[in-house]
Amino acid sequence: LPFNPKAPGGNYLTNYLKVLGWDRTNTYITNCCFCLDYQPNTSKDRLPTEDEERICSAWKIYEWKFQTKVKYNILLGKNAVRQAFGRSFPSPTISEGHVIPTKVENNEVYNLIIHHPGYLLRRPSLWDSTKVSLDLFKRFIQKMEG
């Protein structure tokens, strides 16, 4: 279960969704890398290898084909950004809060780049700037929806 709502990181994600006015029951939540071996009780998450990213990118393409109603996407942290835009894309810290449009199966999708909830667990002082980014994204969505 990605971002288990009973876990601290899952609580942050729930707060992200609340700021946007979204609910977990009608929000599709997935992992950016399915084959990353999670190491519990480690102090640092590791990034996927290039091989893991390449393998999972095929699954992500397949997954996206079935998400034809997706218009707004939140990319949580470096792994998600790299999966969506490639390894050379600027760090999420540099691009935090930016909305980047992309085409998925001929549909326009607007991607918000934001800190991963796990990153906020280690740096809770970033919640205020993250909340501002989420508020701005909510206004962007409201404007797009008319």
Protein backbone atom coordinates (compact mmCIF):
# COMPACT_ATOMS: atom_id res chain seq x y z
CA LEU A 1 0.00 0.00 0.00
CA PRO A 2 1.81 3.16 -1.12
CA PHE A 3 1.82 5.87 1.55
CA ASN A 4 -0.08 3.87 4.13
CA PRO A 5 -2.35 6.39 5.89
CA LYS A 6 -1.37 4.93 9.28
CA ALA A 7 2.33 5.65 8.69
CA PRO A 8 3.88 9.09 9.29
CA GLY A 9 4.65 9.63 5.58
CA GLY A 10 1.12 8.57 4.72
CA ASN A 11 -0.19 11.18 7.14
CA TYR A 12 1.77 13.86 5.30
CA LEU A 13 0.31 12.68 2.00
CA THR A 14 -3.18 12.81 3.52
CA ASN A 15 -2.44 16.41 4.55
CA TYR A 16 -1.27 17.20 1.00
CA LEU A 17 -4.57 15.89 -0.35
CA LYS A 18 -6.60 17.83 2.23
CA VAL A 19 -4.95 21.10 1.17
CA LEU A 20 -5.98 20.32 -2.42
CA GLY A 21 -9.49 19.35 -1.36
CA TRP A 22 -8.89 15.80 -2.58
CA ASP A 23 -9.77 12.58 -0.83
CA ARG A 24 -7.90 9.27 -0.82
CA THR A 25 -11.02 7.43 -1.98
CA ASN A 26 -11.03 9.22 -5.35
CA THR A 27 -7.29 9.77 -5.75
CA TYR A 28 -5.08 7.30 -7.57
CA ILE A 29 -1.88 6.69 -5.58
CA THR A 30 1.02 4.67 -6.94
CA ASN A 31 4.76 4.17 -6.58
CA CYS A 32 7.19 5.65 -9.08
CA CYS A 33 9.42 2.58 -8.93
CA PHE A 34 7.82 -0.77 -8.27
CA CYS A 35 11.01 -2.80 -8.10
CA LEU A 36 12.87 -0.69 -5.55
CA ASP A 37 13.68 -2.93 -2.63
CA TYR A 38 12.56 -1.12 0.49
CA GLN A 39 14.95 -1.38 3.42
CA PRO A 40 13.04 -0.79 6.66
CA ASN A 41 14.77 0.94 9.55
CA THR A 42 17.42 2.54 7.37
CA SER A 43 18.35 6.16 7.78
CA LYS A 44 18.40 6.93 4.07
CA ASP A 45 16.28 5.84 1.16
CA ARG A 46 18.21 4.89 -1.92
CA LEU A 47 17.47 6.01 -5.43
CA PRO A 48 16.59 3.36 -7.99
CA THR A 49 19.38 2.23 -10.27
CA GLU A 50 19.21 3.03 -13.97
CA ASP A 51 18.19 -0.59 -14.64
CA GLU A 52 15.38 -0.38 -12.07
CA GLU A 53 14.18 2.91 -13.58
CA ARG A 54 14.25 1.42 -17.08
CA ILE A 55 12.32 -1.69 -16.00
CA CYS A 56 9.73 0.30 -14.07
CA SER A 57 9.31 2.91 -16.79
CA ALA A 58 7.72 0.21 -18.97
CA TRP A 59 5.24 -0.52 -16.17
CA LYS A 60 4.57 3.19 -15.67
CA ILE A 61 3.73 3.61 -19.37
CA TYR A 62 1.37 0.63 -19.13
CA GLU A 63 -0.17 2.04 -15.95
CA TRP A 64 -0.66 5.49 -17.51
CA LYS A 65 -2.56 4.02 -20.47
CA PHE A 66 -5.32 3.06 -18.05
CA GLN A 67 -5.36 6.41 -16.28
CA THR A 68 -7.05 8.31 -19.09
CA LYS A 69 -8.95 10.60 -16.71
CA VAL A 70 -5.82 11.91 -15.00
CA LYS A 71 -5.48 15.66 -15.48
CA TYR A 72 -3.44 16.59 -12.42
CA ASN A 73 -0.51 14.69 -11.04
CA ILE A 74 1.70 15.22 -8.01
CA LEU A 75 5.28 14.04 -8.33
CA LEU A 76 6.58 13.36 -4.84
CA GLY A 77 10.34 13.80 -4.68
CA LYS A 78 13.37 12.94 -6.72
CA ASN A 79 12.43 9.38 -7.72
CA ALA A 80 9.07 10.44 -9.13
CA VAL A 81 10.56 13.42 -10.98
CA ARG A 82 13.31 11.29 -12.50
CA GLN A 83 10.80 8.63 -13.51
CA ALA A 84 8.57 11.19 -15.20
CA PHE A 85 11.17 13.46 -16.81
CA GLY A 86 14.48 11.58 -16.84
CA ARG A 87 17.61 11.58 -14.76
CA SER A 88 18.86 14.95 -16.00
CA PHE A 89 15.82 16.92 -14.81
CA PRO A 90 16.68 19.48 -12.07
CA SER A 91 16.39 18.45 -8.44
CA PRO A 92 12.92 18.75 -6.86
CA THR A 93 14.44 21.26 -4.44
CA ILE A 94 15.18 23.50 -7.42
CA SER A 95 11.82 22.93 -9.07
CA GLU A 96 9.62 22.63 -5.94
CA GLY A 97 6.17 23.99 -6.58
CA HIS A 98 6.48 24.17 -10.36
CA VAL A 99 3.69 22.86 -12.55
CA ILE A 100 4.97 21.10 -15.65
CA PRO A 101 2.55 20.13 -18.43
CA THR A 102 3.09 16.85 -20.27
CA LYS A 103 1.19 14.75 -22.81
CA VAL A 104 0.11 11.25 -21.81
CA GLU A 105 -1.77 9.31 -24.47
CA ASN A 106 -2.78 12.61 -26.13
CA ASN A 107 -4.11 13.99 -22.85
CA GLU A 108 -2.65 17.10 -21.23
CA VAL A 109 -1.51 16.32 -17.68
CA TYR A 110 -0.30 18.99 -15.26
CA ASN A 111 2.39 17.77 -12.87
CA LEU A 112 3.17 19.46 -9.58
CA ILE A 113 6.67 18.81 -8.28
CA ILE A 114 6.74 18.69 -4.51
CA HIS A 115 8.73 17.24 -1.64
CA HIS A 116 8.27 13.57 -0.87
CA PRO A 117 6.41 13.10 2.43
CA GLY A 118 9.38 11.13 3.78
CA TYR A 119 11.58 14.15 3.17
CA LEU A 120 9.25 16.28 5.27
CA LEU A 121 9.49 13.73 8.07
CA ARG A 122 13.21 14.55 8.24
CA ARG A 123 12.67 18.29 7.61
CA PRO A 124 9.27 19.28 9.05
CA SER A 125 10.16 22.97 8.68
CA LEU A 126 9.49 22.56 4.95
CA TRP A 127 5.75 22.00 5.55
CA ASP A 128 4.99 25.73 5.25
CA SER A 129 6.59 26.07 1.79
CA THR A 130 5.06 22.76 0.71
CA LYS A 131 1.62 23.97 1.80
CA VAL A 132 2.10 27.18 -0.21
CA SER A 133 2.95 25.08 -3.30
CA LEU A 134 -0.14 22.95 -2.75
CA ASP A 135 -2.34 26.04 -2.29
CA LEU A 136 -1.01 27.49 -5.54
CA PHE A 137 -1.64 24.19 -7.34
CA LYS A 138 -5.20 24.16 -5.99
CA ARG A 139 -5.75 27.65 -7.40
CA PHE A 140 -4.21 26.56 -10.70
CA ILE A 141 -6.64 23.63 -10.87
CA GLN A 142 -9.59 25.86 -10.03
CA LYS A 143 -8.59 28.24 -12.81
CA MET A 144 -8.19 25.38 -15.31
CA GLU A 145 -11.56 23.93 -14.36
CA GLY A 146 -13.21 27.35 -14.78
